Amino acid sequence: MPGTRFPSPCPVASASRQETGVTKRGKLVTLLVVLAFAGFLLWSTLGSQQVECTVTVTFGNARNTATASAASEADATREAQTAACGPLAQGMDESIRCGRIPPVSRQCRNL
């Protein structure tokens, strides 16, 4: 019929407005949860780092120095030596041998 008007789709428009409000709130809550989780991870990781050691290792004809931190001096020394041996050793056998060599120098400090 000419001149007959159909009702506008207002319920759909209002539903999309409601979804937008919920979506914004959901995004905000999700962002806050992610930030809280990232903060917890940072706090728990850095909180366990109590000692920092710098180790110099000579392996083959090369020398390298690396620094690492950990909960104990022994762990920090081991991790620093592993990091120092990384570029010097090629393959698993050399990595194990380099890790067993006493370091040329070692300095540790409490954090």
N, C-alpha and C. Protein backbone atom coordinates (compact mmCIF):
# COMPACT_ATOMS: atom_id res chain seq x y z
N MET A 1 0.83 -1.16 0.00
CA MET A 1 0.00 0.00 0.00
C MET A 1 0.88 1.24 0.00
N PRO A 2 0.56 2.12 -0.91
CA PRO A 2 1.33 3.35 -0.90
C PRO A 2 0.95 4.20 0.30
N GLY A 3 1.93 4.85 0.84
CA GLY A 3 1.70 5.72 1.98
C GLY A 3 1.70 4.99 3.31
N THR A 4 1.80 3.67 3.29
CA THR A 4 1.84 2.93 4.55
C THR A 4 3.26 2.99 5.09
N ARG A 5 3.37 3.32 6.33
CA ARG A 5 4.69 3.41 6.95
C ARG A 5 4.91 2.22 7.86
N PHE A 6 6.09 1.69 7.77
CA PHE A 6 6.46 0.59 8.65
C PHE A 6 7.20 1.15 9.86
N PRO A 7 7.05 0.53 11.01
CA PRO A 7 7.74 1.05 12.19
C PRO A 7 9.25 0.95 12.03
N SER A 8 9.93 1.94 12.58
CA SER A 8 11.40 1.94 12.48
C SER A 8 11.97 0.85 13.40
N PRO A 9 13.11 0.35 13.07
CA PRO A 9 13.70 -0.74 13.87
C PRO A 9 14.37 -0.20 15.13
N CYS A 10 13.62 0.51 15.94
CA CYS A 10 14.17 1.06 17.18
C CYS A 10 14.64 0.00 18.17
N PRO A 11 13.94 -1.13 18.34
CA PRO A 11 14.44 -2.13 19.29
C PRO A 11 15.84 -2.62 18.94
N VAL A 12 16.12 -2.74 17.66
CA VAL A 12 17.46 -3.18 17.26
C VAL A 12 18.48 -2.12 17.62
N ALA A 13 18.16 -0.86 17.37
CA ALA A 13 19.08 0.22 17.68
C ALA A 13 19.35 0.29 19.17
N SER A 14 18.30 0.14 19.99
CA SER A 14 18.52 0.20 21.44
C SER A 14 19.30 -1.01 21.92
N ALA A 15 19.10 -2.16 21.29
CA ALA A 15 19.86 -3.35 21.69
C ALA A 15 21.33 -3.16 21.38
N SER A 16 21.64 -2.54 20.22
CA SER A 16 23.06 -2.34 19.89
C SER A 16 23.69 -1.32 20.83
N ARG A 17 22.90 -0.35 21.28
CA ARG A 17 23.43 0.61 22.26
C ARG A 17 23.75 -0.09 23.57
N GLN A 18 22.89 -1.01 23.98
CA GLN A 18 23.13 -1.75 25.22
C GLN A 18 24.37 -2.63 25.08
N GLU A 19 24.54 -3.28 23.93
CA GLU A 19 25.72 -4.12 23.71
C GLU A 19 26.98 -3.29 23.76
N THR A 20 26.93 -2.08 23.22
CA THR A 20 28.10 -1.21 23.23
C THR A 20 28.49 -0.88 24.67
N GLY A 21 27.52 -0.58 25.53
CA GLY A 21 27.82 -0.30 26.93
C GLY A 21 28.41 -1.50 27.63
N VAL A 22 27.86 -2.66 27.37
CA VAL A 22 28.37 -3.89 27.97
C VAL A 22 29.76 -4.19 27.42
N THR A 23 29.95 -4.00 26.14
CA THR A 23 31.24 -4.26 25.53
C THR A 23 32.31 -3.34 26.11
N LYS A 24 31.99 -2.07 26.28
CA LYS A 24 32.97 -1.15 26.85
C LYS A 24 33.32 -1.56 28.27
N ARG A 25 32.31 -1.92 29.06
CA ARG A 25 32.55 -2.35 30.43
C ARG A 25 33.37 -3.64 30.44
N GLY A 26 33.04 -4.57 29.55
CA GLY A 26 33.77 -5.84 29.46
C GLY A 26 35.23 -5.62 29.07
N LYS A 27 35.44 -4.71 28.13
CA LYS A 27 36.82 -4.40 27.72
C LYS A 27 37.61 -3.79 28.88
N LEU A 28 36.97 -2.91 29.63
CA LEU A 28 37.64 -2.28 30.76
C LEU A 28 37.98 -3.31 31.83
N VAL A 29 37.04 -4.18 32.13
CA VAL A 29 37.29 -5.23 33.13
C VAL A 29 38.40 -6.15 32.66
N THR A 30 38.38 -6.54 31.39
CA THR A 30 39.42 -7.41 30.84
C THR A 30 40.78 -6.73 30.91
N LEU A 31 40.84 -5.46 30.56
CA LEU A 31 42.09 -4.72 30.62
C LEU A 31 42.62 -4.65 32.05
N LEU A 32 41.74 -4.39 33.01
CA LEU A 32 42.16 -4.33 34.41
C LEU A 32 42.67 -5.69 34.90
N VAL A 33 42.03 -6.77 34.50
CA VAL A 33 42.47 -8.11 34.89
C VAL A 33 43.84 -8.41 34.29
N VAL A 34 44.03 -8.09 33.03
CA VAL A 34 45.32 -8.33 32.37
C VAL A 34 46.42 -7.51 33.03
N LEU A 35 46.16 -6.25 33.33
CA LEU A 35 47.16 -5.40 33.99
C LEU A 35 47.48 -5.92 35.39
N ALA A 36 46.47 -6.36 36.12
CA ALA A 36 46.72 -6.92 37.45
C ALA A 36 47.56 -8.18 37.37
N PHE A 37 47.28 -9.03 36.41
CA PHE A 37 48.06 -10.27 36.23
C PHE A 37 49.50 -9.95 35.85
N ALA A 38 49.70 -9.01 34.93
CA ALA A 38 51.06 -8.61 34.53
C ALA A 38 51.82 -8.02 35.71
N GLY A 39 51.15 -7.22 36.52
CA GLY A 39 51.79 -6.66 37.71
C GLY A 39 52.18 -7.74 38.70
N PHE A 40 51.31 -8.74 38.89
CA PHE A 40 51.63 -9.84 39.78
C PHE A 40 52.84 -10.63 39.27
N LEU A 41 52.88 -10.90 37.97
CA LEU A 41 54.03 -11.63 37.40
C LEU A 41 55.32 -10.85 37.60
N LEU A 42 55.28 -9.56 37.35
CA LEU A 42 56.46 -8.73 37.52
C LEU A 42 56.92 -8.71 38.97
N TRP A 43 55.97 -8.52 39.89
CA TRP A 43 56.29 -8.50 41.31
C TRP A 43 56.87 -9.84 41.78
N SER A 44 56.26 -10.94 41.38
CA SER A 44 56.73 -12.25 41.85
C SER A 44 58.08 -12.61 41.24
N THR A 45 58.32 -12.20 40.01
CA THR A 45 59.60 -12.50 39.37
C THR A 45 60.72 -11.67 39.98
N LEU A 46 60.50 -10.38 40.09
CA LEU A 46 61.55 -9.50 40.62
C LEU A 46 61.73 -9.67 42.13
N GLY A 47 60.70 -10.07 42.81
CA GLY A 47 60.80 -10.26 44.26
C GLY A 47 61.70 -11.42 44.65
N SER A 48 61.82 -12.40 43.75
CA SER A 48 62.66 -13.56 44.06
C SER A 48 64.13 -13.34 43.71
N GLN A 49 64.43 -12.27 43.00
CA GLN A 49 65.81 -11.97 42.62
C GLN A 49 66.49 -11.22 43.76
N GLN A 50 67.34 -11.93 44.52
CA GLN A 50 67.95 -11.32 45.70
C GLN A 50 69.45 -11.12 45.56
N VAL A 51 70.10 -11.84 44.64
CA VAL A 51 71.54 -11.74 44.46
C VAL A 51 71.83 -11.58 42.98
N GLU A 52 72.80 -10.71 42.67
CA GLU A 52 73.23 -10.53 41.28
C GLU A 52 74.72 -10.85 41.20
N CYS A 53 75.10 -11.69 40.25
CA CYS A 53 76.51 -12.07 40.07
C CYS A 53 76.96 -11.78 38.65
N THR A 54 78.19 -11.31 38.53
CA THR A 54 78.84 -11.11 37.25
C THR A 54 80.00 -12.10 37.17
N VAL A 55 80.04 -12.87 36.10
CA VAL A 55 81.01 -13.95 35.96
C VAL A 55 81.76 -13.77 34.64
N THR A 56 83.07 -13.95 34.68
CA THR A 56 83.89 -13.95 33.47
C THR A 56 84.43 -15.36 33.27
N VAL A 57 84.26 -15.87 32.05
CA VAL A 57 84.67 -17.24 31.72
C VAL A 57 85.61 -17.20 30.53
N THR A 58 86.68 -18.00 30.60
CA THR A 58 87.57 -18.19 29.46
C THR A 58 87.38 -19.62 28.98
N PHE A 59 87.05 -19.77 27.70
CA PHE A 59 86.85 -21.09 27.12
C PHE A 59 87.44 -21.08 25.73
N GLY A 60 88.33 -22.02 25.47
CA GLY A 60 89.03 -22.03 24.20
C GLY A 60 89.95 -20.82 24.16
N ASN A 61 89.87 -20.04 23.12
CA ASN A 61 90.69 -18.83 22.99
C ASN A 61 89.89 -17.56 23.22
N ALA A 62 88.71 -17.70 23.81
CA ALA A 62 87.84 -16.53 23.97
C ALA A 62 87.45 -16.34 25.43
N ARG A 63 87.03 -15.13 25.72
CA ARG A 63 86.60 -14.77 27.07
C ARG A 63 85.30 -14.00 26.96
N ASN A 64 84.40 -14.23 27.91
CA ASN A 64 83.12 -13.54 27.90
C ASN A 64 82.66 -13.29 29.33
N THR A 65 81.94 -12.20 29.52
CA THR A 65 81.41 -11.83 30.84
C THR A 65 79.89 -11.72 30.73
N ALA A 66 79.21 -12.20 31.77
CA ALA A 66 77.75 -12.10 31.80
C ALA A 66 77.29 -11.87 33.23
N THR A 67 76.10 -11.31 33.37
CA THR A 67 75.51 -11.01 34.67
C THR A 67 74.14 -11.67 34.75
N ALA A 68 73.83 -12.21 35.94
CA ALA A 68 72.52 -12.82 36.16
C ALA A 68 72.11 -12.60 37.61
N SER A 69 70.82 -12.67 37.87
CA SER A 69 70.32 -12.54 39.24
C SER A 69 69.44 -13.73 39.55
N ALA A 70 69.40 -14.09 40.83
CA ALA A 70 68.60 -15.23 41.27
C ALA A 70 68.34 -15.11 42.76
N ALA A 71 67.70 -16.12 43.32
CA ALA A 71 67.37 -16.11 44.75
C ALA A 71 68.60 -16.38 45.61
N SER A 72 69.57 -17.14 45.10
CA SER A 72 70.77 -17.44 45.89
C SER A 72 72.02 -17.12 45.08
N GLU A 73 73.14 -17.01 45.76
CA GLU A 73 74.40 -16.70 45.10
C GLU A 73 74.81 -17.84 44.17
N ALA A 74 74.61 -19.07 44.60
CA ALA A 74 74.98 -20.22 43.77
C ALA A 74 74.16 -20.23 42.48
N ASP A 75 72.87 -19.96 42.57
CA ASP A 75 72.01 -19.94 41.38
C ASP A 75 72.39 -18.79 40.45
N ALA A 76 72.67 -17.62 41.01
CA ALA A 76 73.05 -16.47 40.18
C ALA A 76 74.38 -16.72 39.48
N THR A 77 75.32 -17.34 40.20
CA THR A 77 76.62 -17.66 39.60
C THR A 77 76.45 -18.66 38.46
N ARG A 78 75.67 -19.70 38.69
CA ARG A 78 75.44 -20.73 37.67
C ARG A 78 74.77 -20.14 36.42
N GLU A 79 73.77 -19.30 36.64
CA GLU A 79 73.06 -18.69 35.50
C GLU A 79 73.95 -17.71 34.74
N ALA A 80 74.78 -16.95 35.46
CA ALA A 80 75.70 -16.03 34.80
C ALA A 80 76.74 -16.80 33.99
N GLN A 81 77.22 -17.92 34.55
CA GLN A 81 78.21 -18.72 33.81
C GLN A 81 77.57 -19.34 32.57
N THR A 82 76.35 -19.80 32.69
CA THR A 82 75.64 -20.35 31.53
C THR A 82 75.49 -19.29 30.45
N ALA A 83 75.14 -18.08 30.85
CA ALA A 83 75.00 -16.98 29.88
C ALA A 83 76.34 -16.61 29.26
N ALA A 84 77.41 -16.63 30.06
CA ALA A 84 78.73 -16.29 29.54
C ALA A 84 79.23 -17.36 28.58
N CYS A 85 78.91 -18.60 28.83
CA CYS A 85 79.36 -19.70 27.98
C CYS A 85 78.58 -19.78 26.67
N GLY A 86 77.38 -19.23 26.63
CA GLY A 86 76.54 -19.32 25.44
C GLY A 86 77.23 -18.98 24.14
N PRO A 87 77.81 -17.79 24.01
CA PRO A 87 78.46 -17.43 22.75
C PRO A 87 79.81 -18.13 22.54
N LEU A 88 80.40 -18.67 23.59
CA LEU A 88 81.73 -19.28 23.48
C LEU A 88 81.67 -20.73 23.04
N ALA A 89 80.66 -21.45 23.48
CA ALA A 89 80.56 -22.88 23.22
C ALA A 89 79.69 -23.16 22.00
N GLN A 90 80.07 -24.19 21.26
CA GLN A 90 79.27 -24.61 20.10
C GLN A 90 78.86 -26.06 20.33
N GLY A 91 77.60 -26.28 20.52
CA GLY A 91 77.11 -27.62 20.75
C GLY A 91 76.96 -27.92 22.23
N MET A 92 76.25 -28.99 22.51
CA MET A 92 75.95 -29.36 23.89
C MET A 92 77.19 -29.79 24.66
N ASP A 93 78.08 -30.55 24.03
CA ASP A 93 79.29 -31.02 24.73
C ASP A 93 80.13 -29.84 25.22
N GLU A 94 80.36 -28.87 24.35
CA GLU A 94 81.16 -27.70 24.74
C GLU A 94 80.43 -26.86 25.79
N SER A 95 79.12 -26.77 25.69
CA SER A 95 78.35 -26.01 26.69
C SER A 95 78.51 -26.63 28.07
N ILE A 96 78.45 -27.96 28.13
CA ILE A 96 78.61 -28.64 29.42
C ILE A 96 80.02 -28.44 29.94
N ARG A 97 81.03 -28.60 29.06
CA ARG A 97 82.43 -28.39 29.49
C ARG A 97 82.66 -26.97 29.96
N CYS A 98 82.15 -26.00 29.24
CA CYS A 98 82.33 -24.59 29.63
C CYS A 98 81.65 -24.32 30.97
N GLY A 99 80.50 -24.91 31.19
CA GLY A 99 79.79 -24.71 32.44
C GLY A 99 80.50 -25.29 33.65
N ARG A 100 81.38 -26.24 33.42
CA ARG A 100 82.12 -26.89 34.52
C ARG A 100 83.47 -26.23 34.81
N ILE A 101 83.90 -25.33 33.95
CA ILE A 101 85.18 -24.64 34.17
C ILE A 101 84.99 -23.58 35.24
N PRO A 102 85.92 -23.49 36.20
CA PRO A 102 85.80 -22.41 37.20
C PRO A 102 85.92 -21.04 36.51
N PRO A 103 85.10 -20.07 36.89
CA PRO A 103 85.18 -18.76 36.25
C PRO A 103 86.49 -18.05 36.57
N VAL A 104 86.92 -17.21 35.64
CA VAL A 104 88.14 -16.40 35.83
C VAL A 104 87.89 -15.39 36.94
N SER A 105 86.71 -14.79 36.95
CA SER A 105 86.35 -13.86 38.02
C SER A 105 84.86 -13.97 38.29
N ARG A 106 84.51 -13.62 39.54
CA ARG A 106 83.10 -13.67 39.94
C ARG A 106 82.89 -12.59 41.00
N GLN A 107 81.88 -11.76 40.76
CA GLN A 107 81.52 -10.71 41.73
C GLN A 107 80.02 -10.79 41.95
N CYS A 108 79.63 -10.87 43.22
CA CYS A 108 78.21 -10.94 43.57
C CYS A 108 77.84 -9.82 44.51
N ARG A 109 76.60 -9.40 44.45
CA ARG A 109 76.11 -8.39 45.36
C ARG A 109 74.64 -8.67 45.66
N ASN A 110 74.21 -8.29 46.84
CA ASN A 110 72.81 -8.45 47.23
C ASN A 110 71.99 -7.33 46.62
N LEU A 111 70.81 -7.66 46.19
CA LEU A 111 69.92 -6.66 45.61
C LEU A 111 68.98 -6.10 46.67
